[in-house]
Structures are given as C-alpha cells and as structure tokens.
C-alpha cells in the first residue's frame, strides 16, 4: 500500500510566529525528543550522558499521519476490541524504528506524529523509514497480519509556518494519499507564492466549469439524541497538475478574482442534488455550506441562493463568521433575515476565533453557534478553555441557539462537552470529511448499529459511533 513517494510543493505558507509543538523542554529531554534551540529557532537533539558529540540542529519540523487503510477487514477478523488498539501498535513500532519521533495523538484509525530534521530530505528519509517499518507484518495476539498503512506528511522550516497550518496540510496530504494510494509529503517552504496565486486566479473559472471541484461531507452528531443531525459540506479542488488544493488555499483567491459567487452557487447546486439523494435513502438531513462575507452584501447572489433553495425544497444551512457581519452589519443582517425567511438555517461559524461582538450576535437570525476548534482541541488540558466553552454554551442557549463544538477528537473532550450541555459535536472522533458515497455508507452503517435505545447513557455507545473513516 502507498508504494510511491510524492513530494508536493505548497505555495503561500504562513510566516506567522511558530507556536511550538514541543513546548515542554523538560518532557522532550526526558524522552530524547528534539528540543527547541532558542538561539537560532531550530531543534537540537539532546546529547547522551557524557557525550561530547556535536549538537545537530534540526531546522525542519514535520507532522506525519499514519492511517490503517484496511481497518474494516482487520476489524472483522480480529474483532472490535483488538482492532481498536491497532493505532497503538503503529505508535509502538514507529517509536522502535525512529528515535525521537513523538506521538501527538491517535484516533480510531489514524496516528499522528511529530518529528524534526536538518532539512526536507531528512524528513522525507524518516517518512521512508516509517513506510519500511509498517511494511512488515504485525504480530497481533500471536498471529501475523499485514496492516496496510497510508502515510502523509507536511514539513516546513521551523518558525516559517503556524502549527495549525502544518496539521491542516498533513490532513490534506492524507486525503490525497487516499485518492492516489501513494505516500504524500507536502513541502511548505516554496518561495514563489505571488506567481502561484496569479496562476490559480487564472485557472479558477475553468476549474469550476470543468468539474475539478468536489465536495466532502463531515457529519455532526446530536449529543443527547445520539444521532447524526446534520452535516457540513466542504469544497475541495482536485487540480490536474498540483493535486489536491484545500479551501484555505483558494477561497481567498476566489474572493479576489470575483469568482466566489460562482463557486458558492456551484456548491449550493451540488449540495441540493446530494441532499435529494440522501432523502431518497431515508435521511433528511440539513446540509450546511460556508458563505463568504463578501456574499452577504451581494444582492444578486442572495436572490439566486434564495431561489435555488426555495425551488429545491431541501434543508440547507449557511455558516457565516462574525467578521463577515461586522464588515457591513446593516446589509448582512438584512440578507441573513432573507435567508431565514426561505427556511435556510443560519449558523455562526468559528465563534471565538475573531473579535466577538454581542451587539451583533443578538441581532442575527442564527439558530446555531459553532465554537471554534482552537478552544476544543485543548479542552481537557487547559485551565481557561473549559471556562470559555462553558460560558459560550450558556450564552448561546440564552439566545435560543444550539451549540456545536468543532474539532472534537477525543472521548474525554466529548464527555466534558456533554456535561457542559453542548448540543452537537463535529470532528475526527465522529468522522473525517468523506465523499458523498462514503457518507451514504456511513449513514447506512450507523442506521444498522445505532438502531437501539438512543436514550442510553452517553458513555455506553456502540463502537461504530466513534468511527473516523
């Protein structure tokens, strides 16, 4: 599985200060991990006791994702309890083969690692070592089994790229690896972003017309009902030469090129068609799409979107950010009310990521508020984030809105959110974004395996609830 190694050069990497994946110097030294060198911004490998060897500066950092591609087959053979521990076997083997690699976390089928290197070639070499390590059969309870692994990574010079960007690029690389069945390493260091942006601006209209865009769906689960309540549609660009391009790299370009309306209307048409397919399967779910702030003041777009939703007779939601409203509050609020009048559910996205304004919040016809994942990812390890999340949930409920927590990746976070009264959760703990075909299968599996008493205890869920693939 994933025999070839593909290197992708990603343009326009962020130059924001590095936040620090290895923030605990003492912890890093204890386990022999690279330690940040504050004199030059790189990493250095801790010396062995009594060693006079020169210090190696690890000037590059990488995030590596390893996914069990044949998880379903292994689960049928091994049973769920043993299959659910497969990622721990990956972590153990990676630690044995790659000194200094750090496990950052694990889902049901995906393990996440951090590593350092002196340059991109060193990162690539480490990924190759991991691929070799995972090629050998695994001894699973006395039986040898071949575990098919998909590998994907993103790498950048230390200090050149935000941690969140690095993780998002690794996730994008994994999506590409699933499609092309090869190992993908994304290099975020390429230095010609201006030329690249101009190229993408020129290519975007043809990409929309030629079917290079596609959608993936990520479900949201209602915590108390223990059922899938809705989904978010996420747009992707499968570029014929550059490969998979994530929305963070082309939405701003679409806005600059005045193509955001055409792109969003294409998305709306596709979502309406897919939702009718889901309705034919017996699943009448609200599907949400993201709306650019530019469009909230575009009368032509507003009229066309209202017409499409009204004529389609489907359940559609629009996710908007607070900053989108602040640009032109009067026009934005008026048009959001028009959307609400035709039955479009309004959700406030990424709440807390910008400058939240209670003055605008109370005027919006929103029925849902989505807490930004930056508060959820460290919910169980931070002192302040739980206070912010709890107060946000209480505020939203006081304004008669339901609350969705984005970026839920652990059962511990889900348990805490349940206690806090959060209404819905979304994240890799439930499912990664998947194609419409995979989403339909996900819903069918869920129908079969969640058909019992959905009022049972929050913490006694069938294993299928936690699936990520």
Protein backbone atom coordinates (compact mmCIF):
# COMPACT_ATOMS: atom_id res chain seq x y z
CA UNK A 1 0.00 0.00 0.00
CA UNK A 2 1.20 3.53 -0.85
CA UNK A 3 4.45 2.41 -2.51
CA UNK A 4 5.34 5.64 -4.30
CA UNK A 5 6.55 8.78 -2.54
CA UNK A 6 5.14 12.03 -3.89
CA UNK A 7 6.56 15.40 -2.88
CA UNK A 8 4.23 18.38 -3.25
CA UNK A 9 5.36 21.98 -3.04
CA UNK A 10 2.73 24.13 -1.34
CA UNK A 11 2.80 27.85 -2.09
CA UNK A 12 1.98 30.73 0.21
CA UNK A 13 2.89 29.12 3.54
CA UNK A 14 2.16 31.29 6.55
CA UNK A 15 5.01 33.30 8.04
CA UNK A 16 3.37 33.79 11.42
CA UNK A 17 5.49 33.09 14.53
CA UNK A 18 5.76 29.47 15.44
CA UNK A 19 3.64 28.47 18.41
CA UNK A 20 5.68 25.45 19.44
CA UNK A 21 4.66 21.82 19.16
CA UNK A 22 7.33 20.86 21.69
CA UNK A 23 6.56 23.35 24.39
CA UNK A 24 7.76 21.31 27.36
CA UNK A 25 11.57 21.27 27.23
CA UNK A 26 11.82 19.02 30.26
CA UNK A 27 9.43 16.48 28.78
CA UNK A 28 11.32 16.49 25.49
CA UNK A 29 14.64 15.85 27.20
CA UNK A 30 13.19 13.02 29.28
CA UNK A 31 12.15 11.04 26.24
CA UNK A 32 15.01 12.05 23.94
CA UNK A 33 12.98 14.26 21.63
CA UNK A 34 14.31 17.24 19.70
CA UNK A 35 14.44 20.33 21.93
CA UNK A 36 13.86 23.82 20.55
CA UNK A 37 17.07 25.82 20.38
CA UNK A 38 16.10 29.35 21.37
CA UNK A 39 19.31 30.81 19.94
CA UNK A 40 18.50 30.02 16.33
CA UNK A 41 14.90 28.82 16.20
CA UNK A 42 15.77 25.24 15.29
CA UNK A 43 15.65 21.95 17.18
CA UNK A 44 18.63 20.21 18.69
CA UNK A 45 18.87 16.55 19.62
CA UNK A 46 19.60 16.02 23.36
CA UNK A 47 23.10 14.65 23.99
CA UNK A 48 23.55 11.28 25.63
CA UNK A 49 25.03 11.41 29.10
CA UNK A 50 28.75 12.22 28.94
CA UNK A 51 28.70 12.70 25.18
CA UNK A 52 30.93 15.28 23.53
CA UNK A 53 29.35 14.81 20.11
CA UNK A 54 28.36 17.98 18.23
CA UNK A 55 24.75 19.12 18.57
CA UNK A 56 22.64 18.55 15.44
CA UNK A 57 20.38 21.49 14.64
CA UNK A 58 17.01 20.23 13.45
CA UNK A 59 15.86 23.17 11.37
CA UNK A 60 12.77 21.48 9.90
CA UNK A 61 9.64 20.17 11.56
CA UNK A 62 7.10 17.74 10.21
CA UNK A 63 3.69 16.29 11.03
CA UNK A 64 3.14 12.71 9.88
CA UNK A 65 -0.22 10.92 9.75
CA UNK A 66 -0.42 7.14 9.51
CA UNK A 67 -3.83 5.62 8.70
CA UNK A 68 -4.85 1.96 8.79
CA UNK A 69 -6.31 1.55 5.30
CA UNK A 70 -7.63 -2.00 5.76
CA UNK A 71 -9.15 -1.34 9.17
CA UNK A 72 -12.60 -2.69 8.26
CA UNK A 73 -11.21 -6.06 7.16
CA UNK A 74 -8.97 -6.38 10.20
CA UNK A 75 -11.88 -5.48 12.47
CA UNK A 76 -13.97 -8.29 11.02
CA UNK A 77 -11.14 -10.76 11.58
CA UNK A 78 -9.80 -9.55 14.91
CA UNK A 79 -12.96 -8.18 16.50
CA UNK A 80 -13.55 -4.58 17.52
CA UNK A 81 -11.67 -4.53 20.85
CA UNK A 82 -8.40 -5.69 19.28
CA UNK A 83 -8.87 -3.66 16.09
CA UNK A 84 -9.39 -0.51 18.12
CA UNK A 85 -5.87 -0.96 19.55
CA UNK A 86 -4.18 -1.12 16.14
CA UNK A 87 -3.10 2.51 16.25
CA UNK A 88 -1.23 1.75 19.48
CA UNK A 89 0.72 -0.90 17.58
CA UNK A 90 1.60 1.74 14.99
CA UNK A 91 2.84 4.09 17.69
CA UNK A 92 4.96 1.36 19.30
CA UNK A 93 6.56 0.37 16.01
CA UNK A 94 7.23 3.96 14.99
CA UNK A 95 8.93 4.58 18.33
CA UNK A 96 11.10 1.47 17.86
CA UNK A 97 12.21 2.41 14.35
CA UNK A 98 12.53 6.21 14.57
CA UNK A 99 14.38 7.58 17.62
CA UNK A 100 13.00 10.93 18.65
CA UNK A 101 9.64 10.67 16.91
CA UNK A 102 6.80 11.92 19.08
CA UNK A 103 3.25 10.65 19.14
CA UNK A 104 0.86 13.60 19.27
CA UNK A 105 -2.39 11.65 19.37
CA UNK A 106 -4.42 8.85 17.89
CA UNK A 107 -7.91 8.35 16.54
CA UNK A 108 -9.54 5.06 15.76
CA UNK A 109 -7.63 4.52 12.53
CA UNK A 110 -5.08 7.37 12.42
CA UNK A 111 -1.93 8.03 14.45
CA UNK A 112 -0.30 11.47 14.41
CA UNK A 113 3.43 12.02 14.87
CA UNK A 114 5.82 14.95 15.08
CA UNK A 115 9.43 14.80 14.02
CA UNK A 116 12.36 17.08 13.30
CA UNK A 117 15.13 17.07 10.72
CA UNK A 118 18.03 19.12 9.44
CA UNK A 119 16.28 19.64 6.09
CA UNK A 120 13.41 18.40 3.93
CA UNK A 121 15.46 15.44 2.74
CA UNK A 122 15.80 14.28 6.34
CA UNK A 123 12.04 14.49 6.85
CA UNK A 124 11.47 12.52 3.65
CA UNK A 125 14.01 9.91 4.74
CA UNK A 126 12.23 9.48 8.06
CA UNK A 127 8.90 9.00 6.30
CA UNK A 128 10.57 6.33 4.16
CA UNK A 129 11.82 4.62 7.33
CA UNK A 130 8.28 4.62 8.70
CA UNK A 131 6.97 3.16 5.47
CA UNK A 132 9.54 0.37 5.66
CA UNK A 133 8.69 -0.24 9.31
CA UNK A 134 4.98 -0.57 8.60
CA UNK A 135 5.56 -2.88 5.62
CA UNK A 136 6.47 -5.77 7.92
CA UNK A 137 3.59 -7.88 9.27
CA UNK A 138 2.32 -7.12 12.77
CA UNK A 139 2.09 -9.77 15.47
CA UNK A 140 -1.47 -9.33 16.69
CA UNK A 141 -2.24 -11.66 19.57
CA UNK A 142 0.06 -14.36 18.22
CA UNK A 143 -0.99 -14.09 14.57
CA UNK A 144 0.89 -12.25 11.83
CA UNK A 145 -1.24 -9.75 9.92
CA UNK A 146 -0.35 -7.29 7.19
CA UNK A 147 -1.61 -3.85 8.17
CA UNK A 148 -1.94 -1.61 5.13
CA UNK A 149 -0.82 1.88 6.05
CA UNK A 150 -1.32 5.17 4.24
CA UNK A 151 1.32 7.76 5.12
CA UNK A 152 1.10 11.52 4.66
CA UNK A 153 3.17 14.38 5.99
CA UNK A 154 3.65 18.13 5.88
CA UNK A 155 7.02 19.73 6.55
CA UNK A 156 8.38 23.25 6.83
CA UNK A 157 11.37 25.12 8.24
CA UNK A 158 10.94 25.77 11.95
CA UNK A 159 9.33 29.15 12.55
CA UNK A 160 8.03 29.58 9.00
CA UNK A 161 4.58 28.06 9.40
CA UNK A 162 1.88 28.07 12.05
CA UNK A 163 1.29 24.74 13.78
CA UNK A 164 -2.37 24.71 12.71
CA UNK A 165 -1.36 25.21 9.07
CA UNK A 166 1.12 22.33 9.32
CA UNK A 167 -1.54 19.98 10.70
CA UNK A 168 -4.10 21.07 8.09
CA UNK A 169 -1.61 20.44 5.28
CA UNK A 170 -0.84 16.99 6.70
CA UNK A 171 -4.57 16.23 6.73
CA UNK A 172 -4.81 17.44 3.14
CA UNK A 173 -1.87 15.23 2.20
CA UNK A 174 -3.66 12.26 3.76
CA UNK A 175 -6.77 12.97 1.70
CA UNK A 176 -4.57 12.96 -1.40
CA UNK A 177 -2.86 9.75 -0.30
CA UNK A 178 -6.26 8.04 -0.04
CA UNK A 179 -7.14 9.10 -3.58
CA UNK A 180 -3.81 8.30 -5.26
CA UNK A 181 -2.70 5.41 -2.99
CA UNK A 182 0.77 6.83 -2.52
CA UNK A 183 2.73 8.44 0.27
CA UNK A 184 2.41 12.24 0.07
CA UNK A 185 4.83 14.69 1.69
CA UNK A 186 3.91 18.36 1.40
CA UNK A 187 6.76 20.88 1.37
CA UNK A 188 5.51 24.21 2.69
CA UNK A 189 8.75 26.09 2.05
CA UNK A 190 8.45 27.02 -1.62
CA UNK A 191 9.07 30.69 -2.14
CA UNK A 192 7.02 31.89 -5.13
CA UNK A 193 3.53 32.44 -3.69
CA UNK A 194 2.72 35.58 -5.72
CA UNK A 195 3.21 33.82 -9.05
CA UNK A 196 1.25 30.85 -7.80
CA UNK A 197 -1.70 32.97 -6.68
CA UNK A 198 -1.85 34.61 -10.10
CA UNK A 199 -1.85 31.19 -11.75
CA UNK A 200 -4.68 29.94 -9.56
CA UNK A 201 -6.70 33.09 -10.20
CA UNK A 202 -6.45 32.45 -13.94
CA UNK A 203 -7.27 28.76 -13.60
CA UNK A 204 -10.19 29.02 -11.17
CA UNK A 205 -13.05 29.78 -13.63
CA UNK A 206 -12.12 26.81 -15.82
CA UNK A 207 -11.78 24.61 -12.74
CA UNK A 208 -15.37 25.37 -11.74
CA UNK A 209 -16.62 24.73 -15.28
CA UNK A 210 -14.55 21.57 -15.86
CA UNK A 211 -15.58 19.65 -12.76
CA UNK A 212 -12.30 19.93 -10.86
CA UNK A 213 -14.20 20.91 -7.72
CA UNK A 214 -15.76 18.28 -5.48
CA UNK A 215 -17.43 18.11 -2.08
CA UNK A 216 -16.78 16.12 1.05
CA UNK A 217 -19.18 15.82 3.97
CA UNK A 218 -18.48 15.79 7.70
CA UNK A 219 -21.36 14.74 9.96
CA UNK A 220 -22.49 16.43 13.14
CA UNK A 221 -23.91 14.33 15.97
CA UNK A 222 -26.57 15.48 18.43
CA UNK A 223 -25.18 14.62 21.85
CA UNK A 224 -28.42 13.96 23.73
CA UNK A 225 -30.23 12.22 20.88
CA UNK A 226 -27.13 10.22 19.97
CA UNK A 227 -27.94 10.56 16.29
CA UNK A 228 -26.47 12.25 13.25
CA UNK A 229 -28.36 15.52 12.96
CA UNK A 230 -26.73 17.33 10.02
CA UNK A 231 -23.52 17.63 8.02
CA UNK A 232 -21.15 20.26 6.71
CA UNK A 233 -20.20 20.31 3.02
CA UNK A 234 -16.53 21.10 2.45
CA UNK A 235 -15.26 22.02 -1.00
CA UNK A 236 -12.01 20.69 -2.47
CA UNK A 237 -10.12 21.40 -5.69
CA UNK A 238 -8.54 18.42 -7.46
CA UNK A 239 -6.07 20.30 -9.64
CA UNK A 240 -4.83 18.29 -12.66
CA UNK A 241 -1.18 19.26 -12.01
CA UNK A 242 -0.92 20.47 -8.43
CA UNK A 243 -3.05 17.75 -6.91
CA UNK A 244 -5.47 18.36 -4.05
CA UNK A 245 -5.90 22.01 -3.03
CA UNK A 246 -7.71 22.74 0.22
CA UNK A 247 -10.14 25.66 0.60
CA UNK A 248 -7.71 27.62 2.76
CA UNK A 249 -5.56 27.99 -0.35
CA UNK A 250 -8.19 29.03 -2.89
CA UNK A 251 -11.19 30.64 -1.17
CA UNK A 252 -9.34 33.93 -0.69
CA UNK A 253 -8.22 33.69 -4.31
CA UNK A 254 -11.83 33.16 -5.39
CA UNK A 255 -12.81 36.29 -3.47
CA UNK A 256 -10.02 38.32 -5.10
CA UNK A 257 -10.93 37.03 -8.56
CA UNK A 258 -14.65 37.76 -8.00
CA UNK A 259 -15.38 34.08 -8.51
CA UNK A 260 -16.68 33.41 -5.01
CA UNK A 261 -20.32 33.78 -6.06
CA UNK A 262 -19.97 31.29 -8.93
CA UNK A 263 -18.08 28.89 -6.68
CA UNK A 264 -20.67 29.10 -3.90
CA UNK A 265 -23.62 28.69 -6.28
CA UNK A 266 -21.92 25.61 -7.76
CA UNK A 267 -21.54 24.27 -4.22
CA UNK A 268 -25.19 25.01 -3.45
CA UNK A 269 -26.35 23.19 -6.61
CA UNK A 270 -24.25 20.14 -5.74
CA UNK A 271 -25.42 20.11 -2.12
CA UNK A 272 -29.07 20.30 -3.21
CA UNK A 273 -28.55 17.34 -5.56
CA UNK A 274 -26.71 15.33 -2.89
CA UNK A 275 -29.32 16.12 -0.26
CA UNK A 276 -32.06 14.82 -2.53
CA UNK A 277 -30.03 11.61 -2.86
CA UNK A 278 -29.80 11.35 0.92
CA UNK A 279 -33.54 11.95 1.19
CA UNK A 280 -34.05 9.04 -1.18
CA UNK A 281 -32.03 6.95 1.28
CA UNK A 282 -34.43 7.96 4.04
CA UNK A 283 -32.05 10.50 5.65
CA UNK A 284 -33.47 14.03 5.52
CA UNK A 285 -30.54 15.96 6.98
CA UNK A 286 -29.75 19.66 6.93
CA UNK A 287 -26.55 20.25 4.94
CA UNK A 288 -24.52 23.35 5.76
CA UNK A 289 -22.23 25.25 3.41
CA UNK A 290 -19.83 28.08 4.21
CA UNK A 291 -20.72 31.55 2.96
CA UNK A 292 -18.08 34.22 2.34
CA UNK A 293 -18.60 37.58 3.97
CA UNK A 294 -18.43 39.18 0.51
CA UNK A 295 -21.66 37.46 -0.47
CA UNK A 296 -23.70 38.84 2.42
CA UNK A 297 -23.71 42.18 0.63
CA UNK A 298 -24.24 40.76 -2.86
CA UNK A 299 -27.92 41.25 -3.72
CA UNK A 300 -27.68 39.14 -6.88
CA UNK A 301 -26.20 36.19 -5.00
CA UNK A 302 -28.75 36.48 -2.20
CA UNK A 303 -31.66 36.42 -4.66
CA UNK A 304 -30.22 33.47 -6.61
CA UNK A 305 -29.47 31.46 -3.47
CA UNK A 306 -32.97 32.05 -2.07
CA UNK A 307 -34.49 30.97 -5.38
CA UNK A 308 -32.42 27.77 -5.58
CA UNK A 309 -33.22 26.72 -2.01
CA UNK A 310 -36.90 27.59 -2.35
CA UNK A 311 -37.27 25.72 -5.63
CA UNK A 312 -35.28 22.74 -4.41
CA UNK A 313 -37.44 22.11 -1.37
CA UNK A 314 -34.43 20.93 0.63
CA UNK A 315 -32.97 21.58 4.08
CA UNK A 316 -29.96 23.86 3.70
CA UNK A 317 -27.90 25.78 6.24
CA UNK A 318 -25.42 28.63 5.75
CA UNK A 319 -22.40 29.01 8.03
CA UNK A 320 -21.15 32.58 8.38
CA UNK A 321 -18.41 34.10 10.53
CA UNK A 322 -18.77 37.03 12.88
CA UNK A 323 -16.27 39.08 10.88
CA UNK A 324 -18.45 38.64 7.80
CA UNK A 325 -21.24 40.50 9.58
CA UNK A 326 -19.02 43.22 11.02
CA UNK A 327 -17.92 44.31 7.50
CA UNK A 328 -21.37 45.70 6.65
CA UNK A 329 -23.75 44.94 9.54
CA UNK A 330 -26.89 46.54 8.12
CA UNK A 331 -26.74 44.77 4.76
CA UNK A 332 -25.53 41.48 6.23
CA UNK A 333 -28.26 41.25 8.85
CA UNK A 334 -30.96 42.17 6.32
CA UNK A 335 -29.82 39.46 3.91
CA UNK A 336 -29.45 36.87 6.67
CA UNK A 337 -33.07 37.57 7.55
CA UNK A 338 -34.00 36.92 3.90
CA UNK A 339 -32.21 33.57 4.08
CA UNK A 340 -34.05 32.77 7.29
CA UNK A 341 -37.38 33.66 5.67
CA UNK A 342 -36.93 30.98 2.97
CA UNK A 343 -36.02 28.35 5.55
CA UNK A 344 -32.21 28.46 5.41
CA UNK A 345 -30.73 27.69 8.83
CA UNK A 346 -28.09 30.22 9.86
CA UNK A 347 -25.09 29.08 11.91
CA UNK A 348 -22.34 31.30 13.29
CA UNK A 349 -19.04 29.61 12.45
CA UNK A 350 -15.66 29.78 14.25
CA UNK A 351 -17.15 31.62 17.22
CA UNK A 352 -14.38 33.00 19.42
CA UNK A 353 -11.70 32.98 16.71
CA UNK A 354 -12.23 36.67 15.93
CA UNK A 355 -13.48 39.68 17.82
CA UNK A 356 -16.84 38.52 19.10
CA UNK A 357 -19.49 41.22 19.25
CA UNK A 358 -22.51 40.63 21.44
CA UNK A 359 -24.17 43.68 19.86
CA UNK A 360 -24.32 41.88 16.50
CA UNK A 361 -24.82 38.42 17.92
CA UNK A 362 -28.20 39.24 19.43
CA UNK A 363 -29.44 40.72 16.12
CA UNK A 364 -28.65 37.72 13.93
CA UNK A 365 -31.39 35.23 12.98
CA UNK A 366 -28.99 32.41 13.84
CA UNK A 367 -30.16 29.10 15.26
CA UNK A 368 -26.74 27.54 15.79
CA UNK A 369 -23.39 28.69 17.15
CA UNK A 370 -20.21 26.75 16.39
CA UNK A 371 -17.36 27.04 18.89
CA UNK A 372 -14.01 27.27 17.13
CA UNK A 373 -11.83 24.18 17.38
CA UNK A 374 -8.97 26.16 18.91
CA UNK A 375 -10.92 26.01 22.20
CA UNK A 376 -11.89 22.34 21.83
CA UNK A 377 -8.53 20.78 20.95
CA UNK A 378 -7.08 21.66 24.37
CA UNK A 379 -10.32 21.42 26.30
CA UNK A 380 -9.10 18.72 28.69
CA UNK A 381 -5.57 20.10 29.15
CA UNK A 382 -6.21 23.83 29.56
CA UNK A 383 -7.47 25.77 32.57
CA UNK A 384 -9.09 28.62 30.64
CA UNK A 385 -10.60 26.91 27.60
CA UNK A 386 -13.25 24.98 29.60
CA UNK A 387 -14.40 28.25 31.20
CA UNK A 388 -14.68 29.93 27.80
CA UNK A 389 -16.53 26.98 26.28
CA UNK A 390 -18.97 26.65 29.18
CA UNK A 391 -19.78 30.37 29.19
CA UNK A 392 -20.26 30.32 25.41
CA UNK A 393 -22.68 27.40 25.66
CA UNK A 394 -24.68 29.20 28.34
CA UNK A 395 -24.73 32.41 26.27
CA UNK A 396 -25.91 30.63 23.13
CA UNK A 397 -28.65 28.82 24.99
CA UNK A 398 -29.80 32.12 26.50
CA UNK A 399 -30.09 33.44 22.93
CA UNK A 400 -32.09 30.32 21.95
CA UNK A 401 -29.31 28.87 19.80
CA UNK A 402 -27.96 25.33 19.74
CA UNK A 403 -24.21 24.86 20.14
CA UNK A 404 -21.84 22.77 18.03
CA UNK A 405 -18.29 22.05 19.16
CA UNK A 406 -15.85 21.76 16.24
CA UNK A 407 -12.66 19.72 16.34
CA UNK A 408 -13.80 17.01 18.77
CA UNK A 409 -11.11 14.34 18.58
CA UNK A 410 -11.15 12.52 21.93
CA UNK A 411 -13.71 10.78 24.08
CA UNK A 412 -12.53 12.86 27.04
CA UNK A 413 -13.44 16.07 25.22
CA UNK A 414 -16.82 14.63 24.24
CA UNK A 415 -17.56 13.61 27.83
CA UNK A 416 -16.73 17.09 29.12
CA UNK A 417 -18.80 18.79 26.42
CA UNK A 418 -21.73 16.55 27.31
CA UNK A 419 -21.52 17.59 30.95
CA UNK A 420 -21.36 21.24 29.86
CA UNK A 421 -24.60 20.87 27.89
CA UNK A 422 -23.17 21.15 24.37
CA UNK A 423 -25.83 20.17 21.84
CA UNK A 424 -23.80 18.83 18.89
CA UNK A 425 -20.26 17.73 18.14
CA UNK A 426 -18.24 17.57 14.94
CA UNK A 427 -14.73 16.26 14.38
CA UNK A 428 -12.47 13.33 13.63
CA UNK A 429 -13.82 11.40 16.61
CA UNK A 430 -17.04 11.02 14.61
CA UNK A 431 -15.73 11.03 11.04
CA UNK A 432 -13.26 12.78 8.81
CA UNK A 433 -14.74 14.59 5.77
CA UNK A 434 -15.73 11.95 3.21
CA UNK A 435 -17.23 11.74 -0.27
CA UNK A 436 -21.00 11.60 -0.70
CA UNK A 437 -20.76 7.86 -1.45
CA UNK A 438 -18.78 7.21 1.73
CA UNK A 439 -21.14 9.46 3.69
CA UNK A 440 -24.14 7.47 2.50
CA UNK A 441 -22.42 4.27 3.59
CA UNK A 442 -21.57 5.86 6.94
CA UNK A 443 -25.25 6.66 7.44
CA UNK A 444 -26.30 3.14 6.46
CA UNK A 445 -23.84 1.59 8.90
CA UNK A 446 -24.98 3.97 11.61
CA UNK A 447 -28.61 3.04 10.95
CA UNK A 448 -27.82 -0.62 11.47
CA UNK A 449 -25.65 -0.23 14.53
CA UNK A 450 -27.33 2.64 16.32
CA UNK A 451 -30.82 1.26 15.98
CA UNK A 452 -31.20 0.53 19.68
CA UNK A 453 -32.21 2.78 22.53
CA UNK A 454 -30.67 6.16 21.70
CA UNK A 455 -31.55 7.36 25.18
CA UNK A 456 -28.95 5.10 26.76
CA UNK A 457 -26.12 6.55 28.84
CA UNK A 458 -23.82 8.97 26.99
CA UNK A 459 -20.84 6.75 27.72
CA UNK A 460 -22.26 3.40 26.53
CA UNK A 461 -22.13 3.90 22.78
CA UNK A 462 -21.70 1.20 20.16
CA UNK A 463 -18.18 1.21 18.77
CA UNK A 464 -19.47 2.37 15.37
CA UNK A 465 -20.24 5.77 16.87
CA UNK A 466 -16.55 6.53 17.26
CA UNK A 467 -15.51 5.61 13.75
CA UNK A 468 -13.31 8.08 11.87
CA UNK A 469 -13.31 6.50 8.44
